[in-house]
PDB file of all heavy atoms in Angstrom:
ATOM      1  N   SER A   1       0.780  -1.164  -0.016  1.00  0.00           N
ATOM      2  CA  SER A   1      -0.004  -0.010  -0.082  1.00  0.00           C
ATOM      3  C   SER A   1       0.796   1.278   0.010  1.00  0.00           C
ATOM      4  O   SER A   1       0.344   2.353   0.381  1.00  0.00           O
ATOM      5  CB  SER A   1      -1.013  -0.046   1.269  1.00  0.00           C
ATOM      6  OG  SER A   1      -1.926  -0.984   1.005  1.00  0.00           O
ATOM      7  N   ALA A   2       2.094   1.120  -0.383  1.00  0.00           N
ATOM      8  CA  ALA A   2       2.937   2.290  -0.709  1.00  0.00           C
ATOM      9  C   ALA A   2       3.057   3.286   0.474  1.00  0.00           C
ATOM     10  O   ALA A   2       2.885   4.444   0.208  1.00  0.00           O
ATOM     11  CB  ALA A   2       2.437   3.017  -1.992  1.00  0.00           C
ATOM     12  N   GLN A   3       3.319   2.781   1.613  1.00  0.00           N
ATOM     13  CA  GLN A   3       3.539   3.582   2.760  1.00  0.00           C
ATOM     14  C   GLN A   3       5.061   4.027   2.845  1.00  0.00           C
ATOM     15  O   GLN A   3       5.918   3.315   2.437  1.00  0.00           O
ATOM     16  CB  GLN A   3       3.192   2.932   4.081  1.00  0.00           C
ATOM     17  CG  GLN A   3       1.737   2.452   4.189  1.00  0.00           C
ATOM     18  CD  GLN A   3       0.815   3.606   4.194  1.00  0.00           C
ATOM     19  OE1 GLN A   3       0.831   4.578   5.009  1.00  0.00           O
ATOM     20  NE2 GLN A   3      -0.028   3.620   3.112  1.00  0.00           N
ATOM     21  N   THR A   4       5.223   5.216   3.309  1.00  0.00           N
ATOM     22  CA  THR A   4       6.658   5.679   3.440  1.00  0.00           C
ATOM     23  C   THR A   4       7.533   4.774   4.319  1.00  0.00           C
ATOM     24  O   THR A   4       6.986   4.274   5.343  1.00  0.00           O
ATOM     25  CB  THR A   4       6.721   7.128   4.158  1.00  0.00           C
ATOM     26  OG1 THR A   4       5.887   7.978   3.353  1.00  0.00           O
ATOM     27  CG2 THR A   4       8.048   7.654   4.244  1.00  0.00           C
ATOM     28  N   PRO A   5       8.610   4.301   3.883  1.00  0.00           N
ATOM     29  CA  PRO A   5       9.436   4.759   2.727  1.00  0.00           C
ATOM     30  C   PRO A   5       9.303   3.996   1.414  1.00  0.00           C
ATOM     31  O   PRO A   5      10.170   4.063   0.561  1.00  0.00           O
ATOM     32  CB  PRO A   5      10.886   4.624   3.289  1.00  0.00           C
ATOM     33  CG  PRO A   5      10.741   3.420   4.095  1.00  0.00           C
ATOM     34  CD  PRO A   5       9.394   3.259   4.689  1.00  0.00           C
ATOM     35  N   PHE A   6       8.220   3.250   1.315  1.00  0.00           N
ATOM     36  CA  PHE A   6       8.065   2.417   0.045  1.00  0.00           C
ATOM     37  C   PHE A   6       7.089   3.073  -0.883  1.00  0.00           C
ATOM     38  O   PHE A   6       6.603   2.414  -1.879  1.00  0.00           O
ATOM     39  CB  PHE A   6       7.493   1.028   0.487  1.00  0.00           C
ATOM     40  CG  PHE A   6       8.407   0.338   1.569  1.00  0.00           C
ATOM     41  CD1 PHE A   6       7.795   0.218   2.783  1.00  0.00           C
ATOM     42  CD2 PHE A   6       9.527  -0.216   1.241  1.00  0.00           C
ATOM     43  CE1 PHE A   6       8.630  -0.448   3.777  1.00  0.00           C
ATOM     44  CE2 PHE A   6      10.348  -0.775   2.243  1.00  0.00           C
ATOM     45  CZ  PHE A   6       9.856  -0.947   3.563  1.00  0.00           C
ATOM     46  N   HIS A   7       6.807   4.345  -0.686  1.00  0.00           N
ATOM     47  CA  HIS A   7       5.797   5.036  -1.538  1.00  0.00           C
ATOM     48  C   HIS A   7       6.243   5.223  -2.982  1.00  0.00           C
ATOM     49  O   HIS A   7       5.333   5.435  -3.839  1.00  0.00           O
ATOM     50  CB  HIS A   7       5.528   6.352  -0.884  1.00  0.00           C
ATOM     51  CG  HIS A   7       6.712   7.262  -0.812  1.00  0.00           C
ATOM     52  ND1 HIS A   7       7.648   7.192   0.230  1.00  0.00           N
ATOM     53  CD2 HIS A   7       7.142   8.252  -1.742  1.00  0.00           C
ATOM     54  CE1 HIS A   7       8.500   8.153  -0.007  1.00  0.00           C
ATOM     55  NE2 HIS A   7       8.231   8.750  -1.201  1.00  0.00           N
ATOM     56  N   PHE A   8       7.504   5.292  -3.260  1.00  0.00           N
ATOM     57  CA  PHE A   8       7.873   5.679  -4.516  1.00  0.00           C
ATOM     58  C   PHE A   8       7.541   4.860  -5.748  1.00  0.00           C
ATOM     59  O   PHE A   8       7.481   5.286  -6.930  1.00  0.00           O
ATOM     60  CB  PHE A   8       9.463   5.934  -4.546  1.00  0.00           C
ATOM     61  CG  PHE A   8      10.246   4.727  -4.141  1.00  0.00           C
ATOM     62  CD1 PHE A   8      10.568   3.762  -5.107  1.00  0.00           C
ATOM     63  CD2 PHE A   8      10.549   4.501  -2.800  1.00  0.00           C
ATOM     64  CE1 PHE A   8      11.307   2.627  -4.672  1.00  0.00           C
ATOM     65  CE2 PHE A   8      11.295   3.422  -2.482  1.00  0.00           C
ATOM     66  CZ  PHE A   8      11.700   2.425  -3.416  1.00  0.00           C
ATOM     67  N   TRP A   9       7.325   3.476  -5.446  1.00  0.00           N
ATOM     68  CA  TRP A   9       7.019   2.633  -6.567  1.00  0.00           C
ATOM     69  C   TRP A   9       5.656   2.964  -7.223  1.00  0.00           C
ATOM     70  O   TRP A   9       5.421   2.730  -8.412  1.00  0.00           O
ATOM     71  CB  TRP A   9       7.045   1.164  -6.107  1.00  0.00           C
ATOM     72  CG  TRP A   9       5.827   0.730  -5.299  1.00  0.00           C
ATOM     73  CD1 TRP A   9       5.816   0.610  -4.014  1.00  0.00           C
ATOM     74  CD2 TRP A   9       4.523   0.265  -5.786  1.00  0.00           C
ATOM     75  NE1 TRP A   9       4.539   0.113  -3.640  1.00  0.00           N
ATOM     76  CE2 TRP A   9       3.789  -0.085  -4.700  1.00  0.00           C
ATOM     77  CE3 TRP A   9       4.041   0.157  -7.086  1.00  0.00           C
ATOM     78  CZ2 TRP A   9       2.577  -0.551  -4.822  1.00  0.00           C
ATOM     79  CZ3 TRP A   9       2.759  -0.308  -7.180  1.00  0.00           C
ATOM     80  CH2 TRP A   9       1.981  -0.646  -6.095  1.00  0.00           C
ATOM     81  N   LEU A  10       4.768   3.533  -6.426  1.00  0.00           N
ATOM     82  CA  LEU A  10       3.420   3.750  -6.995  1.00  0.00           C
ATOM     83  C   LEU A  10       3.357   4.809  -8.040  1.00  0.00           C
ATOM     84  O   LEU A  10       2.760   4.596  -9.140  1.00  0.00           O
ATOM     85  CB  LEU A  10       2.422   3.970  -5.889  1.00  0.00           C
ATOM     86  CG  LEU A  10       0.887   3.927  -6.061  1.00  0.00           C
ATOM     87  CD1 LEU A  10       0.165   3.548  -4.849  1.00  0.00           C
ATOM     88  CD2 LEU A  10       0.354   5.142  -6.693  1.00  0.00           C
ATOM     89  N   PRO A  11       3.903   6.019  -7.816  1.00  0.00           N
ATOM     90  CA  PRO A  11       3.896   7.058  -8.910  1.00  0.00           C
ATOM     91  C   PRO A  11       4.671   6.578 -10.134  1.00  0.00           C
ATOM     92  O   PRO A  11       4.241   6.901 -11.284  1.00  0.00           O
ATOM     93  CB  PRO A  11       4.587   8.168  -8.231  1.00  0.00           C
ATOM     94  CG  PRO A  11       4.385   8.080  -6.788  1.00  0.00           C
ATOM     95  CD  PRO A  11       4.405   6.630  -6.478  1.00  0.00           C
ATOM     96  N   ASN A  12       5.731   5.699  -9.888  1.00  0.00           N
ATOM     97  CA  ASN A  12       6.456   5.277 -11.097  1.00  0.00           C
ATOM     98  C   ASN A  12       5.672   4.254 -11.865  1.00  0.00           C
ATOM     99  O   ASN A  12       5.925   4.000 -13.034  1.00  0.00           O
ATOM    100  CB  ASN A  12       7.789   4.602 -10.564  1.00  0.00           C
ATOM    101  CG  ASN A  12       8.717   5.653 -10.051  1.00  0.00           C
ATOM    102  OD1 ASN A  12       8.652   6.850 -10.371  1.00  0.00           O
ATOM    103  ND2 ASN A  12       9.617   5.184  -9.197  1.00  0.00           N
ATOM    104  N   ALA A  13       4.641   3.605 -11.176  1.00  0.00           N
ATOM    105  CA  ALA A  13       3.883   2.617 -11.861  1.00  0.00           C
ATOM    106  C   ALA A  13       2.908   3.393 -12.919  1.00  0.00           C
ATOM    107  O   ALA A  13       2.139   2.620 -13.624  1.00  0.00           O
ATOM    108  CB  ALA A  13       3.026   1.821 -10.885  1.00  0.00           C
ATOM    109  N   MET A  14       2.919   4.721 -12.923  1.00  0.00           N
ATOM    110  CA  MET A  14       2.102   5.429 -13.968  1.00  0.00           C
ATOM    111  C   MET A  14       2.656   5.150 -15.397  1.00  0.00           C
ATOM    112  O   MET A  14       2.018   5.604 -16.314  1.00  0.00           O
ATOM    113  CB  MET A  14       2.079   6.868 -13.739  1.00  0.00           C
ATOM    114  CG  MET A  14       1.416   7.323 -12.393  1.00  0.00           C
ATOM    115  SD  MET A  14      -0.297   6.757 -12.319  1.00  0.00           S
ATOM    116  CE  MET A  14      -0.133   5.418 -11.273  1.00  0.00           C
ATOM    117  N   ALA A  15       3.750   4.409 -15.498  1.00  0.00           N
ATOM    118  CA  ALA A  15       4.178   4.049 -16.823  1.00  0.00           C
ATOM    119  C   ALA A  15       3.219   3.115 -17.516  1.00  0.00           C
ATOM    120  O   ALA A  15       3.197   2.879 -18.668  1.00  0.00           O
ATOM    121  CB  ALA A  15       5.629   3.407 -16.725  1.00  0.00           C
ATOM    122  N   ALA A  16       2.311   2.509 -16.666  1.00  0.00           N
ATOM    123  CA  ALA A  16       1.312   1.589 -17.273  1.00  0.00           C
ATOM    124  C   ALA A  16       0.267   2.319 -18.017  1.00  0.00           C
ATOM    125  O   ALA A  16       0.069   3.587 -17.776  1.00  0.00           O
ATOM    126  CB  ALA A  16       0.657   0.797 -16.172  1.00  0.00           C
ATOM    127  N   PRO A  17      -0.464   1.647 -18.931  1.00  0.00           N
ATOM    128  CA  PRO A  17      -1.587   2.433 -19.556  1.00  0.00           C
ATOM    129  C   PRO A  17      -2.597   2.811 -18.564  1.00  0.00           C
ATOM    130  O   PRO A  17      -2.812   2.266 -17.494  1.00  0.00           O
ATOM    131  CB  PRO A  17      -2.127   1.215 -20.471  1.00  0.00           C
ATOM    132  CG  PRO A  17      -1.025   0.275 -20.675  1.00  0.00           C
ATOM    133  CD  PRO A  17      -0.267   0.306 -19.391  1.00  0.00           C
ATOM    134  N   THR A  18      -3.389   3.823 -18.871  1.00  0.00           N
ATOM    135  CA  THR A  18      -4.379   4.526 -17.898  1.00  0.00           C
ATOM    136  C   THR A  18      -5.345   3.507 -17.451  1.00  0.00           C
ATOM    137  O   THR A  18      -5.677   3.639 -16.191  1.00  0.00           O
ATOM    138  CB  THR A  18      -5.015   5.625 -18.656  1.00  0.00           C
ATOM    139  OG1 THR A  18      -4.021   6.689 -19.017  1.00  0.00           O
ATOM    140  CG2 THR A  18      -6.051   6.367 -17.704  1.00  0.00           C
ATOM    141  N   PRO A  19      -5.880   2.578 -18.222  1.00  0.00           N
ATOM    142  CA  PRO A  19      -6.818   1.615 -17.545  1.00  0.00           C
ATOM    143  C   PRO A  19      -6.258   0.844 -16.378  1.00  0.00           C
ATOM    144  O   PRO A  19      -6.977   0.566 -15.396  1.00  0.00           O
ATOM    145  CB  PRO A  19      -7.253   0.670 -18.734  1.00  0.00           C
ATOM    146  CG  PRO A  19      -7.022   1.505 -19.985  1.00  0.00           C
ATOM    147  CD  PRO A  19      -5.763   2.369 -19.640  1.00  0.00           C
ATOM    148  N   VAL A  20      -4.931   0.566 -16.517  1.00  0.00           N
ATOM    149  CA  VAL A  20      -4.303  -0.193 -15.406  1.00  0.00           C
ATOM    150  C   VAL A  20      -4.224   0.751 -14.150  1.00  0.00           C
ATOM    151  O   VAL A  20      -4.512   0.299 -13.076  1.00  0.00           O
ATOM    152  CB  VAL A  20      -2.877  -0.656 -15.829  1.00  0.00           C
ATOM    153  CG1 VAL A  20      -2.157  -1.160 -14.678  1.00  0.00           C
ATOM    154  CG2 VAL A  20      -2.963  -1.616 -17.003  1.00  0.00           C
ATOM    155  N   SER A  21      -3.886   2.011 -14.387  1.00  0.00           N
ATOM    156  CA  SER A  21      -3.711   2.987 -13.281  1.00  0.00           C
ATOM    157  C   SER A  21      -5.050   3.245 -12.627  1.00  0.00           C
ATOM    158  O   SER A  21      -5.224   3.157 -11.406  1.00  0.00           O
ATOM    159  CB  SER A  21      -3.232   4.275 -13.880  1.00  0.00           C
ATOM    160  OG  SER A  21      -1.993   4.179 -14.400  1.00  0.00           O
ATOM    161  N   ALA A  22      -6.103   3.329 -13.469  1.00  0.00           N
ATOM    162  CA  ALA A  22      -7.438   3.546 -12.892  1.00  0.00           C
ATOM    163  C   ALA A  22      -7.880   2.396 -12.045  1.00  0.00           C
ATOM    164  O   ALA A  22      -8.663   2.602 -11.115  1.00  0.00           O
ATOM    165  CB  ALA A  22      -8.453   3.775 -14.077  1.00  0.00           C
ATOM    166  N   TYR A  23      -7.517   1.193 -12.501  1.00  0.00           N
ATOM    167  CA  TYR A  23      -8.133   0.015 -11.674  1.00  0.00           C
ATOM    168  C   TYR A  23      -7.200  -0.318 -10.556  1.00  0.00           C
ATOM    169  O   TYR A  23      -7.751  -0.481  -9.421  1.00  0.00           O
ATOM    170  CB  TYR A  23      -8.096  -1.242 -12.719  1.00  0.00           C
ATOM    171  CG  TYR A  23      -8.962  -2.349 -12.258  1.00  0.00           C
ATOM    172  CD1 TYR A  23     -10.127  -2.140 -11.450  1.00  0.00           C
ATOM    173  CD2 TYR A  23      -8.696  -3.671 -12.690  1.00  0.00           C
ATOM    174  CE1 TYR A  23     -10.956  -3.136 -11.066  1.00  0.00           C
ATOM    175  CE2 TYR A  23      -9.537  -4.695 -12.328  1.00  0.00           C
ATOM    176  CZ  TYR A  23     -10.669  -4.427 -11.456  1.00  0.00           C
ATOM    177  OH  TYR A  23     -11.465  -5.519 -11.096  1.00  0.00           O
ATOM    178  N   LEU A  24      -5.932  -0.442 -10.706  1.00  0.00           N
ATOM    179  CA  LEU A  24      -4.991  -0.822  -9.650  1.00  0.00           C
ATOM    180  C   LEU A  24      -4.978   0.306  -8.541  1.00  0.00           C
ATOM    181  O   LEU A  24      -4.779  -0.181  -7.360  1.00  0.00           O
ATOM    182  CB  LEU A  24      -3.548  -1.017 -10.140  1.00  0.00           C
ATOM    183  CG  LEU A  24      -3.278  -2.425 -10.573  1.00  0.00           C
ATOM    184  CD1 LEU A  24      -4.214  -2.914 -11.816  1.00  0.00           C
ATOM    185  CD2 LEU A  24      -1.797  -2.597 -10.964  1.00  0.00           C
ATOM    186  N   HIS A  25      -5.094   1.520  -8.905  1.00  0.00           N
ATOM    187  CA  HIS A  25      -4.860   2.516  -7.908  1.00  0.00           C
ATOM    188  C   HIS A  25      -6.132   3.210  -7.364  1.00  0.00           C
ATOM    189  O   HIS A  25      -6.061   4.224  -6.768  1.00  0.00           O
ATOM    190  CB  HIS A  25      -3.922   3.564  -8.504  1.00  0.00           C
ATOM    191  CG  HIS A  25      -2.633   3.058  -8.951  1.00  0.00           C
ATOM    192  ND1 HIS A  25      -1.941   3.515 -10.130  1.00  0.00           N
ATOM    193  CD2 HIS A  25      -1.905   1.974  -8.527  1.00  0.00           C
ATOM    194  CE1 HIS A  25      -0.880   2.715 -10.320  1.00  0.00           C
ATOM    195  NE2 HIS A  25      -0.777   1.857  -9.363  1.00  0.00           N
ATOM    196  N   SER A  26      -7.298   2.666  -7.718  1.00  0.00           N
ATOM    197  CA  SER A  26      -8.416   3.132  -7.122  1.00  0.00           C
ATOM    198  C   SER A  26      -9.000   2.258  -6.035  1.00  0.00           C
ATOM    199  O   SER A  26      -8.965   2.699  -4.858  1.00  0.00           O
ATOM    200  CB  SER A  26      -9.531   3.292  -8.327  1.00  0.00           C
ATOM    201  OG  SER A  26      -9.742   2.031  -8.866  1.00  0.00           O
ATOM    202  N   ALA A  27      -9.402   1.088  -6.347  1.00  0.00           N
ATOM    203  CA  ALA A  27     -10.048   0.275  -5.351  1.00  0.00           C
ATOM    204  C   ALA A  27      -9.422  -1.130  -5.195  1.00  0.00           C
ATOM    205  O   ALA A  27      -9.817  -1.927  -4.405  1.00  0.00           O
ATOM    206  CB  ALA A  27     -11.553  -0.002  -5.734  1.00  0.00           C
ATOM    207  N   THR A  28      -8.322  -1.394  -5.856  1.00  0.00           N
ATOM    208  CA  THR A  28      -7.881  -2.793  -5.879  1.00  0.00           C
ATOM    209  C   THR A  28      -6.428  -2.954  -5.296  1.00  0.00           C
ATOM    210  O   THR A  28      -6.352  -2.848  -4.038  1.00  0.00           O
ATOM    211  CB  THR A  28      -7.901  -3.238  -7.275  1.00  0.00           C
ATOM    212  OG1 THR A  28      -7.134  -2.372  -8.179  1.00  0.00           O
ATOM    213  CG2 THR A  28      -9.341  -3.406  -7.834  1.00  0.00           C
ATOM    214  N   MET A  29      -5.452  -3.086  -6.075  1.00  0.00           N
ATOM    215  CA  MET A  29      -4.139  -3.650  -5.513  1.00  0.00           C
ATOM    216  C   MET A  29      -3.556  -2.833  -4.343  1.00  0.00           C
ATOM    217  O   MET A  29      -3.188  -3.300  -3.374  1.00  0.00           O
ATOM    218  CB  MET A  29      -3.114  -3.720  -6.680  1.00  0.00           C
ATOM    219  CG  MET A  29      -1.819  -4.140  -6.200  1.00  0.00           C
ATOM    220  SD  MET A  29      -0.631  -4.066  -7.460  1.00  0.00           S
ATOM    221  CE  MET A  29       0.945  -4.221  -6.452  1.00  0.00           C
ATOM    222  N   VAL A  30      -3.483  -1.525  -4.614  1.00  0.00           N
ATOM    223  CA  VAL A  30      -2.936  -0.658  -3.560  1.00  0.00           C
ATOM    224  C   VAL A  30      -3.671  -0.682  -2.260  1.00  0.00           C
ATOM    225  O   VAL A  30      -3.024  -0.376  -1.255  1.00  0.00           O
ATOM    226  CB  VAL A  30      -2.677   0.715  -4.083  1.00  0.00           C
ATOM    227  CG1 VAL A  30      -1.718   0.773  -5.240  1.00  0.00           C
ATOM    228  CG2 VAL A  30      -4.012   1.389  -4.535  1.00  0.00           C
ATOM    229  N   LYS A  31      -4.940  -1.059  -2.325  1.00  0.00           N
ATOM    230  CA  LYS A  31      -5.679  -1.042  -1.053  1.00  0.00           C
ATOM    231  C   LYS A  31      -5.659  -2.610  -0.449  1.00  0.00           C
ATOM    232  O   LYS A  31      -6.333  -2.799   0.628  1.00  0.00           O
ATOM    233  CB  LYS A  31      -7.122  -0.713  -1.286  1.00  0.00           C
ATOM    234  CG  LYS A  31      -7.232   0.783  -1.576  1.00  0.00           C
ATOM    235  CD  LYS A  31      -8.821   1.182  -1.455  1.00  0.00           C
ATOM    236  CE  LYS A  31      -8.916   2.684  -1.540  1.00  0.00           C
ATOM    237  NZ  LYS A  31      -8.827   3.220  -2.928  1.00  0.00           N
ATOM    238  N   ALA A  32      -4.855  -3.471  -1.013  1.00  0.00           N
ATOM    239  CA  ALA A  32      -4.810  -4.829  -0.445  1.00  0.00           C
ATOM    240  C   ALA A  32      -4.126  -4.700   0.905  1.00  0.00           C
ATOM    241  O   ALA A  32      -4.539  -5.454   1.865  1.00  0.00           O
ATOM    242  CB  ALA A  32      -3.977  -5.695  -1.367  1.00  0.00           C
ATOM    243  N   GLY A  33      -3.098  -3.938   1.068  1.00  0.00           N
ATOM    244  CA  GLY A  33      -2.471  -3.705   2.308  1.00  0.00           C
ATOM    245  C   GLY A  33      -3.405  -3.165   3.410  1.00  0.00           C
ATOM    246  O   GLY A  33      -3.482  -3.501   4.569  1.00  0.00           O
ATOM    247  N   VAL A  34      -4.189  -2.206   2.963  1.00  0.00           N
ATOM    248  CA  VAL A  34      -5.147  -1.554   3.835  1.00  0.00           C
ATOM    249  C   VAL A  34      -6.248  -2.516   4.214  1.00  0.00           C
ATOM    250  O   VAL A  34      -6.569  -2.634   5.392  1.00  0.00           O
ATOM    251  CB  VAL A  34      -5.855  -0.369   3.110  1.00  0.00           C
ATOM    252  CG1 VAL A  34      -6.977   0.248   3.892  1.00  0.00           C
ATOM    253  CG2 VAL A  34      -4.727   0.812   2.909  1.00  0.00           C
ATOM    254  N   TYR A  35      -6.650  -3.354   3.317  1.00  0.00           N
ATOM    255  CA  TYR A  35      -7.580  -4.392   3.620  1.00  0.00           C
ATOM    256  C   TYR A  35      -7.091  -5.296   4.689  1.00  0.00           C
ATOM    257  O   TYR A  35      -7.859  -5.577   5.579  1.00  0.00           O
ATOM    258  CB  TYR A  35      -7.945  -5.226   2.302  1.00  0.00           C
ATOM    259  CG  TYR A  35      -8.722  -6.424   2.579  1.00  0.00           C
ATOM    260  CD1 TYR A  35     -10.111  -6.446   2.905  1.00  0.00           C
ATOM    261  CD2 TYR A  35      -8.084  -7.683   2.679  1.00  0.00           C
ATOM    262  CE1 TYR A  35     -10.790  -7.595   3.212  1.00  0.00           C
ATOM    263  CE2 TYR A  35      -8.697  -8.893   3.030  1.00  0.00           C
ATOM    264  CZ  TYR A  35     -10.129  -8.775   3.269  1.00  0.00           C
ATOM    265  OH  TYR A  35     -10.849  -9.926   3.579  1.00  0.00           O
TER     266      TYR A  35
END
């Protein structure tokens, strides 16, 4: 879930196509740690 000091990988993941960013970074993968 990209907490400091591991936060930097998430903005760099914007190299992915926008559908990937919209899906992974809204309700899914990045919230797995929060879940």
